[in-house]
Amino acid sequence: MHNLFLIISLIVFTGMVSCSRSDLHNKEKIDAAECLIETNTDSALALLDQLDPSELTEDSVKAKYHYLKAWGHLKRNRSMICDSLITFAYRYYSGKDIVRDTRCATAMAWYKFWAGDTPGAITMLDSLSGFNNVPDSLKIQALRIRVLLGASEYQGIEMLPFAKKLVAAETDSIRKLEAQFMLVGAYEYSGQLDSALIFIDNLIDEALNSKLGEKQFIFELERAQILGEMGRNSESDAVIEGIFAKSSPDNGAADYLHMQSAMNALNMGDTQRASRELAMADSMAARLRGDDDTYYRSFSNLMRTLIEFKQTGKMKISHVSGLNNRQRERYNRMKASQWESERGALQQESRALALKAESEHKTVIILVIIIATLLIIAAAAWIIIIRRQQEREKEERIEALQTMVDEYKAAPAPDPQSATSDRPALRRAMLQQLGIIKMVAETPTEQNREMLRKISSIEGETNGELVNWDNLFELIDNLYQGFYTDIVNKYGDLLTAKEEQIIVLMIAGFTTKEISVITGQTTATIYVRKTSIRKKLGVPEKEDIVTCLRNHQTD
């Protein structure tokens, strides 16, 4: 029984340790991912992908997981539709940790953009960029995103202060060039074309000195566009010719270069050249971009409509419908992509919830099994205890009966001259009478009790009790060499009637339970009275009462 309890305890302890180790393992992986997130973002995300977010129970661990996941997606410029729980991390770290608080706010703004709420993202970034207690090293990512979203919304005046802050904050030379290029766009969208031209000229010179050919190409293309915006179409054409002279005719931006030439020609009233340049642009786009030319066609269709209107002086509904359809097509593609991302995120969350439900179901099953096992063990233990108690009582009865037999065998042989030559038969009768009393005490059914009352009342009234105590005392005296008389003579003044009854039954080998049946008292009362007898007779705590009394009788 002890071993069984030990095994169950070991199983429960092992389960608790296993859960504890699982939590510790998750924390270690998340901490390792945090160490790698800046230097090796892909490895950090790979570590996080190994975890099941439904197993993260502590708010601190859950917040760190979703913060790192979203921050990693932001750094890798991935879709953040699946990072909806960045809001949980943002609320958890708000006002607690300046680094995580700032990064969570940045990631949440980027999530809003991916979810289609660009104005909400810009508002959030504007608020974050204005925090005076946040160092530039933490705000720089938010500034980059703010300027990028401002450019996507064609902001000018609103974007200028953020673009300037970004230029001042960037320390890497390439990133600073990119920030200055965004500042050029801000000047251009705000209508400050002179400032835009000055900045783009500086960027071209810097790219030339640093031998950044690709950057120089992009900057010169932007210069051609700015000159065209300023109405300096001939200068814009010269810049375009210079670009073609330094690069192949089918360079990566050839379609946009020819489109800019078409725009310059249209602005100068030369619709024939504008048509030729636009046709060349369409041909280049088909060769360079293939089917992925939606963005280009959004410009070329407008240009074609303007050229036809310039040539004919008429606007056709088919032109307007074509433009509208292209815009609708682009919008639908964008929404389809967003819906696909959202569906993927919902599927991922659904899988996570399914895993969590499965885990909880298994936990409930394990708990039910453990509880059922414990109940079975408790029931088995109770049955074992009852059976052992019954066996112990049987052993006591057997031992008492054996004592009676031994005493009978040890009795002195009868004197032939004595009038008591029939003493063995008498002794056997007395033992049988005592055995009947024990039988009733062992199985105290109402029928047995009534039978014992009838037997006991043959020689006198029992006054409702199971036995005639006077006859029983006489019986004990005869069987145990005057034991009861000796007890009364020595301790009669100390003992109560109930205590005398208990003593004579003890000397006859009755168990505590049997004594309680014969005397009509509870077992608890018998134990209390035994303690009282021990104190009154001066029997030591570790010594048996019956043995002590028999020894005194012998003395």
Protein backbone atom coordinates (compact mmCIF):
# COMPACT_ATOMS: atom_id res chain seq x y z
CA MET A 1 0.00 0.00 0.00
CA HIS A 2 2.80 2.37 0.90
CA ASN A 3 4.56 1.58 -2.37
CA LEU A 4 1.38 2.33 -4.34
CA PHE A 5 1.04 5.76 -2.73
CA LEU A 6 4.71 6.36 -3.47
CA ILE A 7 4.23 5.51 -7.15
CA ILE A 8 1.23 7.84 -7.51
CA SER A 9 3.08 10.65 -5.77
CA LEU A 10 6.02 10.08 -8.10
CA ILE A 11 3.73 10.27 -11.15
CA VAL A 12 2.13 13.53 -9.99
CA PHE A 13 5.51 15.00 -9.11
CA THR A 14 6.91 13.97 -12.50
CA GLY A 15 3.97 15.66 -14.25
CA MET A 16 4.52 18.88 -12.29
CA VAL A 17 8.25 18.80 -13.01
CA SER A 18 7.56 18.12 -16.69
CA CYS A 19 5.23 21.16 -16.91
CA SER A 20 7.80 23.26 -15.06
CA ARG A 21 10.55 22.15 -17.42
CA SER A 22 8.33 22.90 -20.44
CA ASP A 23 7.73 26.46 -19.17
CA LEU A 24 11.45 26.89 -18.50
CA HIS A 25 12.27 25.56 -21.97
CA ASN A 26 9.87 28.05 -23.60
CA LYS A 27 11.36 30.94 -21.61
CA GLU A 28 14.90 29.95 -22.60
CA LYS A 29 13.99 29.85 -26.30
CA ILE A 30 12.25 33.24 -26.13
CA ASP A 31 15.23 34.75 -24.30
CA ALA A 32 17.59 33.29 -26.93
CA ALA A 33 15.40 34.75 -29.70
CA GLU A 34 15.55 38.17 -28.03
CA CYS A 35 19.36 38.01 -28.06
CA LEU A 36 19.34 37.23 -31.81
CA ILE A 37 16.49 39.47 -33.00
CA GLU A 38 18.72 42.42 -33.92
CA THR A 39 21.75 40.59 -35.35
CA ASN A 40 20.16 37.46 -36.83
CA THR A 41 16.45 38.06 -37.24
CA ASP A 42 15.78 34.92 -39.30
CA SER A 43 17.32 32.65 -36.63
CA ALA A 44 15.31 34.42 -33.93
CA LEU A 45 12.07 33.90 -35.86
CA ALA A 46 12.98 30.25 -36.45
CA LEU A 47 13.31 29.77 -32.69
CA LEU A 48 9.95 31.41 -32.07
CA ASP A 49 8.29 29.26 -34.75
CA GLN A 50 9.24 26.17 -32.71
CA LEU A 51 6.96 27.30 -29.86
CA ASP A 52 3.22 26.84 -29.48
CA PRO A 53 1.82 30.19 -28.27
CA SER A 54 -1.16 28.41 -26.67
CA GLU A 55 1.26 26.83 -24.15
CA LEU A 56 2.44 30.26 -22.90
CA THR A 57 0.44 30.90 -19.74
CA GLU A 58 2.38 33.71 -18.04
CA ASP A 59 1.52 37.22 -19.31
CA SER A 60 5.17 38.29 -19.25
CA VAL A 61 6.26 35.34 -21.43
CA LYS A 62 3.29 35.70 -23.77
CA ALA A 63 3.91 39.45 -24.21
CA LYS A 64 7.61 38.92 -24.97
CA TYR A 65 6.80 36.21 -27.52
CA HIS A 66 4.31 38.34 -29.49
CA TYR A 67 6.53 41.43 -29.26
CA LEU A 68 9.55 39.54 -30.69
CA LYS A 69 7.45 37.86 -33.36
CA ALA A 70 6.01 41.15 -34.60
CA TRP A 71 9.35 42.98 -34.34
CA GLY A 72 11.04 40.23 -36.37
CA HIS A 73 8.38 40.45 -39.09
CA LEU A 74 8.79 44.22 -39.18
CA LYS A 75 12.57 43.99 -39.55
CA ARG A 76 12.22 41.44 -42.36
CA ASN A 77 9.47 43.54 -43.99
CA ARG A 78 7.02 40.64 -43.91
CA SER A 79 3.25 40.67 -43.76
CA MET A 80 2.07 41.37 -40.22
CA ILE A 81 -1.57 40.32 -40.61
CA CYS A 82 -0.89 37.35 -38.30
CA ASP A 83 0.53 39.62 -35.57
CA SER A 84 -2.79 40.84 -34.20
CA LEU A 85 -1.69 39.96 -30.63
CA ILE A 86 0.94 42.70 -30.78
CA THR A 87 -1.83 44.76 -29.15
CA PHE A 88 -1.55 42.49 -26.07
CA ALA A 89 2.23 43.05 -25.90
CA TYR A 90 1.77 46.79 -26.48
CA ARG A 91 -0.64 47.10 -23.53
CA TYR A 92 1.56 44.90 -21.33
CA TYR A 93 4.77 46.91 -21.88
CA SER A 94 3.11 50.34 -21.93
CA GLY A 95 4.93 52.49 -19.38
CA LYS A 96 7.04 49.56 -18.11
CA ASP A 97 10.00 49.12 -20.45
CA ILE A 98 10.99 52.01 -22.73
CA VAL A 99 12.73 49.78 -25.29
CA ARG A 100 9.99 47.18 -25.60
CA ASP A 101 7.27 49.81 -25.23
CA THR A 102 8.67 51.83 -28.16
CA ARG A 103 9.25 48.80 -30.35
CA CYS A 104 5.80 47.40 -29.62
CA ALA A 105 4.23 50.74 -30.55
CA THR A 106 6.23 50.79 -33.81
CA ALA A 107 5.28 47.21 -34.63
CA MET A 108 1.63 47.91 -33.81
CA ALA A 109 1.60 50.90 -36.20
CA TRP A 110 3.13 48.71 -38.94
CA TYR A 111 0.48 46.06 -38.20
CA LYS A 112 -2.23 48.71 -38.64
CA PHE A 113 -0.78 49.51 -42.08
CA TRP A 114 -0.87 45.84 -43.10
CA ALA A 115 -4.44 45.58 -41.80
CA GLY A 116 -5.46 48.48 -44.09
CA ASP A 117 -5.54 51.27 -41.50
CA THR A 118 -2.79 53.51 -42.91
CA PRO A 119 -4.21 56.74 -41.37
CA GLY A 120 -4.33 55.02 -37.95
CA ALA A 121 -0.75 53.85 -38.39
CA ILE A 122 0.42 57.36 -39.30
CA THR A 123 -1.39 58.89 -36.31
CA MET A 124 0.23 56.41 -33.96
CA LEU A 125 3.70 57.02 -35.43
CA ASP A 126 3.22 60.80 -35.19
CA SER A 127 2.48 60.41 -31.49
CA LEU A 128 5.47 58.12 -30.96
CA SER A 129 7.88 60.38 -32.85
CA GLY A 130 6.93 63.28 -30.59
CA PHE A 131 8.05 61.54 -27.36
CA ASN A 132 10.85 63.59 -25.87
CA ASN A 133 11.97 60.92 -23.41
CA VAL A 134 12.63 58.35 -26.16
CA PRO A 135 16.18 58.43 -27.60
CA ASP A 136 16.64 58.73 -31.38
CA SER A 137 18.19 55.26 -31.53
CA LEU A 138 14.81 53.82 -30.51
CA LYS A 139 12.67 56.21 -32.56
CA ILE A 140 14.59 55.76 -35.81
CA GLN A 141 12.65 52.70 -36.99
CA ALA A 142 9.38 54.49 -36.26
CA LEU A 143 10.66 57.51 -38.23
CA ARG A 144 11.58 55.33 -41.21
CA ILE A 145 8.11 53.81 -41.30
CA ARG A 146 6.46 57.19 -40.77
CA VAL A 147 8.28 58.71 -43.74
CA LEU A 148 7.61 55.64 -45.88
CA LEU A 149 3.88 55.73 -45.14
CA GLY A 150 3.83 59.47 -45.72
CA ALA A 151 5.33 58.93 -49.17
CA SER A 152 2.75 56.20 -49.91
CA GLU A 153 0.03 58.74 -49.07
CA TYR A 154 1.80 61.46 -51.15
CA GLN A 155 2.19 63.70 -48.13
CA GLY A 156 4.29 66.82 -48.52
CA ILE A 157 4.19 69.46 -45.79
CA GLU A 158 3.08 66.89 -43.18
CA MET A 159 5.99 64.60 -43.99
CA LEU A 160 8.74 67.22 -44.12
CA PRO A 161 9.57 67.47 -40.38
CA PHE A 162 9.73 63.68 -40.02
CA ALA A 163 11.92 63.33 -43.11
CA LYS A 164 14.31 65.95 -41.72
CA LYS A 165 14.44 64.18 -38.35
CA LEU A 166 15.21 60.93 -40.12
CA VAL A 167 18.08 62.47 -42.08
CA ALA A 168 19.55 63.85 -38.84
CA ALA A 169 19.10 60.56 -36.98
CA GLU A 170 20.58 58.17 -39.56
CA THR A 171 24.24 57.29 -38.97
CA ASP A 172 24.79 54.71 -41.72
CA SER A 173 25.89 56.41 -44.97
CA ILE A 174 23.60 54.35 -47.25
CA ARG A 175 20.60 54.80 -44.98
CA LYS A 176 21.31 58.53 -44.77
CA LEU A 177 21.29 58.72 -48.59
CA GLU A 178 17.94 56.91 -48.63
CA ALA A 179 16.56 59.27 -45.97
CA GLN A 180 17.70 62.30 -48.02
CA PHE A 181 16.00 60.80 -51.05
CA MET A 182 12.75 60.53 -49.03
CA LEU A 183 13.22 64.17 -48.05
CA VAL A 184 13.44 65.04 -51.76
CA GLY A 185 10.06 63.36 -52.23
CA ALA A 186 8.62 65.36 -49.33
CA TYR A 187 9.81 68.62 -50.92
CA GLU A 188 8.42 67.50 -54.27
CA TYR A 189 4.98 66.56 -52.89
CA SER A 190 4.80 69.85 -50.99
CA GLY A 191 5.50 71.81 -54.20
CA GLN A 192 8.94 73.02 -53.09
CA LEU A 193 10.58 71.90 -56.34
CA ASP A 194 13.62 74.19 -56.07
CA SER A 195 14.61 72.62 -52.74
CA ALA A 196 13.93 69.18 -54.17
CA LEU A 197 16.23 69.91 -57.14
CA ILE A 198 19.03 71.18 -54.89
CA PHE A 199 18.86 68.07 -52.70
CA ILE A 200 18.74 65.68 -55.67
CA ASP A 201 21.78 67.36 -57.25
CA ASN A 202 23.67 66.90 -53.98
CA LEU A 203 22.65 63.26 -53.85
CA ILE A 204 23.83 62.66 -57.43
CA ASP A 205 27.22 64.18 -56.61
CA GLU A 206 27.51 62.09 -53.43
CA ALA A 207 26.59 58.88 -55.26
CA LEU A 208 29.12 59.72 -58.00
CA ASN A 209 31.91 60.37 -55.49
CA SER A 210 31.07 57.18 -53.55
CA LYS A 211 30.80 55.18 -56.82
CA LEU A 212 27.26 54.08 -56.08
CA GLY A 213 26.16 53.53 -59.67
CA GLU A 214 22.73 52.13 -58.92
CA LYS A 215 21.91 54.97 -56.51
CA GLN A 216 23.18 57.53 -59.01
CA PHE A 217 20.88 56.02 -61.67
CA ILE A 218 17.83 56.32 -59.38
CA PHE A 219 18.73 59.88 -58.36
CA GLU A 220 19.19 61.02 -61.99
CA LEU A 221 15.84 59.50 -62.93
CA GLU A 222 14.25 61.48 -60.07
CA ARG A 223 16.05 64.63 -61.29
CA ALA A 224 14.50 64.19 -64.75
CA GLN A 225 11.07 63.92 -63.16
CA ILE A 226 11.60 67.02 -60.99
CA LEU A 227 12.74 69.06 -64.01
CA GLY A 228 9.65 67.91 -65.86
CA GLU A 229 7.47 68.98 -62.91
CA MET A 230 9.18 72.40 -63.02
CA GLY A 231 8.36 72.78 -66.71
CA ARG A 232 12.00 72.52 -67.72
CA ASN A 233 11.17 69.80 -70.24
CA SER A 234 14.23 70.21 -72.46
CA GLU A 235 16.55 69.86 -69.47
CA SER A 236 14.59 66.81 -68.39
CA ASP A 237 15.03 65.27 -71.87
CA ALA A 238 18.76 65.99 -71.70
CA VAL A 239 19.03 64.19 -68.37
CA ILE A 240 17.16 61.19 -69.84
CA GLU A 241 19.48 61.11 -72.87
CA GLY A 242 22.44 61.24 -70.52
CA ILE A 243 21.08 58.26 -68.56
CA PHE A 244 20.61 56.23 -71.78
CA ALA A 245 24.11 57.21 -72.86
CA LYS A 246 25.60 55.79 -69.64
CA SER A 247 23.36 52.68 -69.51
CA SER A 248 21.85 50.21 -71.96
CA PRO A 249 18.71 51.21 -73.88
CA ASP A 250 16.75 48.45 -72.10
CA ASN A 251 17.92 49.21 -68.55
CA GLY A 252 15.62 48.37 -65.64
CA ALA A 253 13.84 51.74 -65.74
CA ALA A 254 13.74 52.22 -69.54
CA ASP A 255 9.92 52.13 -69.61
CA TYR A 256 9.70 54.93 -67.03
CA LEU A 257 12.41 56.97 -68.81
CA HIS A 258 10.47 56.79 -72.10
CA MET A 259 7.26 57.64 -70.24
CA GLN A 260 8.93 60.73 -68.76
CA SER A 261 10.03 61.70 -72.29
CA ALA A 262 6.44 61.22 -73.44
CA MET A 263 5.25 63.49 -70.62
CA ASN A 264 7.84 66.13 -71.53
CA ALA A 265 6.76 65.99 -75.17
CA LEU A 266 3.09 66.26 -74.18
CA ASN A 267 3.86 69.28 -72.01
CA MET A 268 5.62 70.90 -74.98
CA GLY A 269 2.63 70.14 -77.25
CA ASP A 270 4.41 67.51 -79.36
CA THR A 271 1.76 64.77 -79.30
CA GLN A 272 3.41 62.78 -82.09
CA ARG A 273 6.64 62.38 -80.16
CA ALA A 274 4.64 61.73 -77.00
CA SER A 275 2.83 58.85 -78.77
CA ARG A 276 6.12 57.38 -80.03
CA GLU A 277 7.77 57.61 -76.62
CA LEU A 278 4.75 56.06 -74.92
CA ALA A 279 4.71 53.20 -77.45
CA MET A 280 8.37 52.56 -76.72
CA ALA A 281 7.63 52.67 -72.99
CA ASP A 282 4.82 50.08 -73.42
CA SER A 283 7.13 47.82 -75.42
CA MET A 284 9.87 48.07 -72.77
CA ALA A 285 7.38 47.38 -69.96
CA ALA A 286 6.08 44.26 -71.72
CA ARG A 287 9.65 42.97 -72.11
CA LEU A 288 10.95 44.00 -68.67
CA ARG A 289 7.93 43.36 -66.45
CA GLY A 290 5.80 40.81 -68.27
CA ASP A 291 2.48 40.29 -66.50
CA ASP A 292 3.64 42.22 -63.43
CA ASP A 293 3.06 45.63 -65.00
CA THR A 294 -0.04 46.79 -63.09
CA TYR A 295 1.71 49.77 -61.52
CA TYR A 296 3.24 50.84 -64.83
CA ARG A 297 -0.07 50.57 -66.71
CA SER A 298 -1.78 52.80 -64.13
CA PHE A 299 0.46 55.58 -65.52
CA SER A 300 0.58 54.61 -69.19
CA ASN A 301 -3.22 54.37 -69.55
CA LEU A 302 -3.60 57.87 -68.15
CA MET A 303 -0.89 59.15 -70.48
CA ARG A 304 -2.53 57.51 -73.50
CA THR A 305 -5.88 59.06 -72.60
CA LEU A 306 -4.29 62.53 -72.25
CA ILE A 307 -2.45 62.21 -75.57
CA GLU A 308 -5.63 61.17 -77.42
CA PHE A 309 -7.55 64.01 -75.80
CA LYS A 310 -4.80 66.44 -76.85
CA GLN A 311 -4.89 65.11 -80.41
CA THR A 312 -8.66 64.89 -80.87
CA GLY A 313 -9.95 67.36 -78.33
CA LYS A 314 -12.47 64.76 -77.23
CA MET A 315 -12.82 62.60 -74.12
CA LYS A 316 -14.43 59.20 -74.61
CA ILE A 317 -16.27 57.25 -71.95
CA SER A 318 -14.19 54.21 -72.88
CA HIS A 319 -11.09 56.13 -71.81
CA VAL A 320 -12.56 56.97 -68.43
CA SER A 321 -13.88 53.41 -68.02
CA GLY A 322 -10.47 52.00 -68.90
CA LEU A 323 -8.77 54.17 -66.29
CA ASN A 324 -11.39 53.31 -63.68
CA ASN A 325 -11.19 49.59 -64.45
CA ARG A 326 -7.41 49.62 -64.12
CA GLN A 327 -7.66 51.37 -60.79
CA ARG A 328 -10.38 48.95 -59.66
CA GLU A 329 -8.25 46.02 -60.80
CA ARG A 330 -5.30 47.29 -58.81
CA TYR A 331 -7.51 47.89 -55.76
CA ASN A 332 -9.08 44.44 -56.03
CA ARG A 333 -5.67 42.81 -56.26
CA MET A 334 -4.54 44.70 -53.20
CA LYS A 335 -7.66 43.70 -51.23
CA ALA A 336 -7.36 40.09 -52.40
CA SER A 337 -3.79 40.02 -51.16
CA GLN A 338 -4.91 41.51 -47.84
CA TRP A 339 -7.77 39.03 -47.51
CA GLU A 340 -5.42 36.17 -48.26
CA SER A 341 -3.06 37.37 -45.55
CA GLU A 342 -5.95 37.76 -43.11
CA ARG A 343 -7.23 34.28 -43.95
CA GLY A 344 -3.77 32.86 -43.36
CA ALA A 345 -3.65 34.65 -40.01
CA LEU A 346 -7.10 33.32 -39.05
CA GLN A 347 -6.06 29.80 -40.04
CA GLN A 348 -2.95 30.13 -37.93
CA GLU A 349 -4.97 31.38 -34.95
CA SER A 350 -7.49 28.59 -35.51
CA ARG A 351 -4.71 26.00 -35.45
CA ALA A 352 -3.33 27.55 -32.28
CA LEU A 353 -6.78 27.45 -30.64
CA ALA A 354 -7.28 23.85 -31.76
CA LEU A 355 -3.92 22.88 -30.27
CA LYS A 356 -4.81 24.70 -27.06
CA ALA A 357 -8.20 22.96 -26.86
CA GLU A 358 -6.54 19.60 -27.50
CA SER A 359 -3.95 20.31 -24.83
CA GLU A 360 -6.67 21.33 -22.33
CA HIS A 361 -8.68 18.22 -23.22
CA LYS A 362 -5.67 16.01 -22.54
CA THR A 363 -5.04 17.84 -19.27
CA VAL A 364 -8.66 17.27 -18.16
CA ILE A 365 -8.41 13.57 -19.06
CA ILE A 366 -5.16 13.23 -17.10
CA LEU A 367 -6.69 14.99 -14.09
CA VAL A 368 -9.79 12.76 -14.23
CA ILE A 369 -7.57 9.67 -14.42
CA ILE A 370 -5.47 10.87 -11.48
CA ILE A 371 -8.56 11.67 -9.38
CA ALA A 372 -10.16 8.33 -10.26
CA THR A 373 -6.92 6.54 -9.40
CA LEU A 374 -6.69 8.33 -6.07
CA LEU A 375 -10.32 7.46 -5.27
CA ILE A 376 -9.70 3.81 -6.15
CA ILE A 377 -6.57 3.77 -4.01
CA ALA A 378 -8.44 5.40 -1.11
CA ALA A 379 -11.27 2.84 -1.41
CA ALA A 380 -8.76 0.00 -1.61
CA ALA A 381 -6.92 1.36 1.42
CA TRP A 382 -10.18 1.61 3.38
CA ILE A 383 -11.12 -1.98 2.47
CA ILE A 384 -7.64 -3.20 3.42
CA ILE A 385 -7.82 -1.39 6.77
CA ILE A 386 -11.27 -2.85 7.53
CA ARG A 387 -10.13 -6.34 6.58
CA ARG A 388 -6.97 -6.06 8.65
CA GLN A 389 -9.03 -4.89 11.61
CA GLN A 390 -11.35 -7.84 11.19
CA GLU A 391 -8.41 -10.22 10.90
CA ARG A 392 -6.85 -8.69 14.01
CA GLU A 393 -10.08 -9.19 15.93
CA LYS A 394 -10.29 -12.78 14.72
CA GLU A 395 -6.73 -13.36 15.86
CA GLU A 396 -7.62 -11.93 19.26
CA ARG A 397 -10.60 -14.23 19.53
CA ILE A 398 -8.56 -17.24 18.49
CA GLU A 399 -5.89 -16.28 20.98
CA ALA A 400 -8.51 -15.90 23.75
CA LEU A 401 -10.04 -19.27 22.95
CA GLN A 402 -6.61 -20.87 22.87
CA THR A 403 -5.93 -19.36 26.29
CA MET A 404 -9.12 -20.92 27.60
CA VAL A 405 -8.12 -24.30 26.19
CA ASP A 406 -4.64 -24.03 27.66
CA GLU A 407 -6.08 -23.11 31.07
CA TYR A 408 -8.45 -26.04 30.89
CA LYS A 409 -5.59 -28.44 30.09
CA ALA A 410 -3.49 -26.97 32.87
CA ALA A 411 -6.23 -27.37 35.47
CA PRO A 412 -5.34 -29.83 38.36
CA ALA A 413 -6.67 -33.37 38.10
CA PRO A 414 -9.85 -33.97 40.14
CA ASP A 415 -9.64 -35.68 43.54
CA PRO A 416 -11.53 -38.99 43.44
CA GLN A 417 -12.48 -38.54 47.10
CA SER A 418 -13.72 -35.02 46.47
CA ALA A 419 -17.31 -34.18 45.97
CA THR A 420 -16.17 -32.12 43.05
CA SER A 421 -15.09 -35.05 40.93
CA ASP A 422 -17.28 -33.61 38.16
CA ARG A 423 -15.19 -30.36 37.99
CA PRO A 424 -13.81 -30.91 34.41
CA ALA A 425 -17.34 -31.20 33.05
CA LEU A 426 -18.32 -28.10 34.99
CA ARG A 427 -15.34 -26.20 33.65
CA ARG A 428 -16.21 -27.22 30.12
CA ALA A 429 -19.74 -25.94 30.62
CA MET A 430 -18.46 -22.62 31.92
CA LEU A 431 -16.11 -22.26 28.97
CA GLN A 432 -18.96 -23.03 26.60
CA GLN A 433 -21.07 -20.35 28.30
CA LEU A 434 -18.23 -17.84 27.95
CA GLY A 435 -17.86 -18.90 24.29
CA ILE A 436 -21.53 -18.15 23.66
CA ILE A 437 -21.06 -14.66 25.06
CA LYS A 438 -18.03 -14.12 22.79
CA MET A 439 -19.95 -15.41 19.78
CA VAL A 440 -22.68 -12.85 20.34
CA ALA A 441 -20.09 -10.11 20.89
CA GLU A 442 -18.40 -11.11 17.62
CA THR A 443 -21.65 -11.10 15.63
CA PRO A 444 -23.96 -8.74 17.52
CA THR A 445 -27.11 -9.19 15.45
CA GLU A 446 -30.41 -8.46 17.14
CA GLN A 447 -31.29 -12.15 17.00
CA ASN A 448 -28.04 -13.14 18.75
CA ARG A 449 -28.50 -10.43 21.37
CA GLU A 450 -32.00 -11.68 22.18
CA MET A 451 -30.74 -15.26 22.43
CA LEU A 452 -28.02 -14.21 24.90
CA ARG A 453 -30.55 -12.32 27.05
CA LYS A 454 -32.73 -15.43 27.27
CA ILE A 455 -29.78 -17.65 28.23
CA SER A 456 -28.54 -15.13 30.81
CA SER A 457 -31.99 -14.70 32.39
CA ILE A 458 -32.40 -18.40 33.18
CA GLU A 459 -30.84 -17.96 36.63
CA GLY A 460 -32.05 -14.43 37.28
CA GLU A 461 -33.09 -11.08 35.80
CA THR A 462 -30.59 -9.21 33.56
CA ASN A 463 -32.39 -5.85 33.88
CA GLY A 464 -32.27 -5.38 30.10
CA GLU A 465 -28.57 -6.07 29.76
CA LEU A 466 -27.13 -8.82 27.59
CA VAL A 467 -25.70 -10.84 30.51
CA ASN A 468 -26.39 -11.53 34.17
CA TRP A 469 -23.34 -9.86 35.61
CA ASP A 470 -23.50 -11.70 38.97
CA ASN A 471 -23.41 -15.03 37.17
CA LEU A 472 -20.62 -13.75 34.89
CA PHE A 473 -18.53 -12.57 37.87
CA GLU A 474 -18.99 -15.99 39.47
CA LEU A 475 -18.02 -17.61 36.17
CA ILE A 476 -14.82 -15.57 36.01
CA ASP A 477 -14.00 -16.43 39.63
CA ASN A 478 -14.33 -20.15 38.88
CA LEU A 479 -12.37 -20.02 35.62
CA TYR A 480 -9.63 -17.62 36.76
CA GLN A 481 -8.97 -18.65 40.36
CA GLY A 482 -11.09 -16.03 42.14
CA PHE A 483 -9.94 -13.14 39.96
CA TYR A 484 -13.09 -11.03 40.33
CA THR A 485 -13.20 -11.46 44.14
CA ASP A 486 -9.54 -10.41 44.39
CA ILE A 487 -10.20 -7.30 42.26
CA VAL A 488 -13.16 -6.29 44.43
CA ASN A 489 -11.24 -6.86 47.65
CA LYS A 490 -8.21 -4.88 46.51
CA TYR A 491 -9.73 -2.10 44.35
CA GLY A 492 -13.44 -2.15 45.09
CA ASP A 493 -13.40 1.37 46.48
CA LEU A 494 -11.61 2.76 43.38
CA LEU A 495 -13.43 1.07 40.52
CA THR A 496 -16.92 1.74 39.23
CA ALA A 497 -19.30 -1.05 38.26
CA LYS A 498 -18.64 -0.44 34.54
CA GLU A 499 -14.89 -0.55 35.10
CA GLU A 500 -15.22 -3.88 36.97
CA GLN A 501 -17.22 -5.26 34.03
CA ILE A 502 -14.52 -4.14 31.57
CA ILE A 503 -11.75 -5.73 33.67
CA VAL A 504 -13.42 -9.15 33.91
CA LEU A 505 -14.12 -9.16 30.16
CA MET A 506 -10.51 -8.20 29.46
CA ILE A 507 -9.26 -11.07 31.64
CA ALA A 508 -11.52 -13.40 29.64
CA GLY A 509 -9.86 -12.29 26.38
CA PHE A 510 -12.64 -10.10 24.97
CA THR A 511 -11.57 -7.44 22.40
CA THR A 512 -12.40 -3.78 22.82
CA LYS A 513 -15.18 -4.01 20.23
CA GLU A 514 -16.65 -7.12 21.95
CA ILE A 515 -16.51 -5.41 25.34
CA SER A 516 -18.40 -2.44 23.87
CA VAL A 517 -21.12 -4.80 22.60
CA ILE A 518 -21.53 -6.68 25.91
CA THR A 519 -21.46 -3.57 28.11
CA GLY A 520 -23.60 -1.48 25.73
CA GLN A 521 -21.00 1.30 25.35
CA THR A 522 -19.14 2.76 22.39
CA THR A 523 -15.56 1.71 21.65
CA ALA A 524 -14.44 5.29 22.34
CA THR A 525 -15.98 5.09 25.83
CA ILE A 526 -14.24 1.74 26.44
CA TYR A 527 -10.88 3.31 25.55
CA VAL A 528 -11.56 6.21 27.94
CA ARG A 529 -12.52 3.80 30.76
CA LYS A 530 -9.42 1.68 30.11
CA THR A 531 -7.29 4.80 30.56
CA SER A 532 -9.14 5.52 33.81
CA ILE A 533 -8.55 1.91 35.02
CA ARG A 534 -4.86 2.19 34.20
CA LYS A 535 -4.54 5.37 36.28
CA LYS A 536 -6.57 4.05 39.23
CA LEU A 537 -4.64 0.77 39.42
CA GLY A 538 -1.28 2.41 38.78
CA VAL A 539 -0.51 0.34 35.69
CA PRO A 540 2.39 1.86 33.67
CA GLU A 541 1.60 3.20 30.18
CA LYS A 542 3.56 0.53 28.29
CA GLU A 543 2.41 -2.40 30.42
CA ASP A 544 -0.65 -4.56 29.68
CA ILE A 545 -3.45 -4.13 32.24
CA VAL A 546 -4.43 -7.83 32.29
CA THR A 547 -0.83 -9.01 32.66
CA CYS A 548 -0.27 -6.57 35.51
CA LEU A 549 -3.44 -7.72 37.35
CA ARG A 550 -2.60 -11.41 36.94
CA ASN A 551 0.87 -10.77 38.28
CA HIS A 552 -0.60 -9.01 41.31
CA GLN A 553 -3.02 -11.91 41.80
CA THR A 554 -0.13 -14.37 41.81
CA ASP A 555 1.74 -12.27 44.35
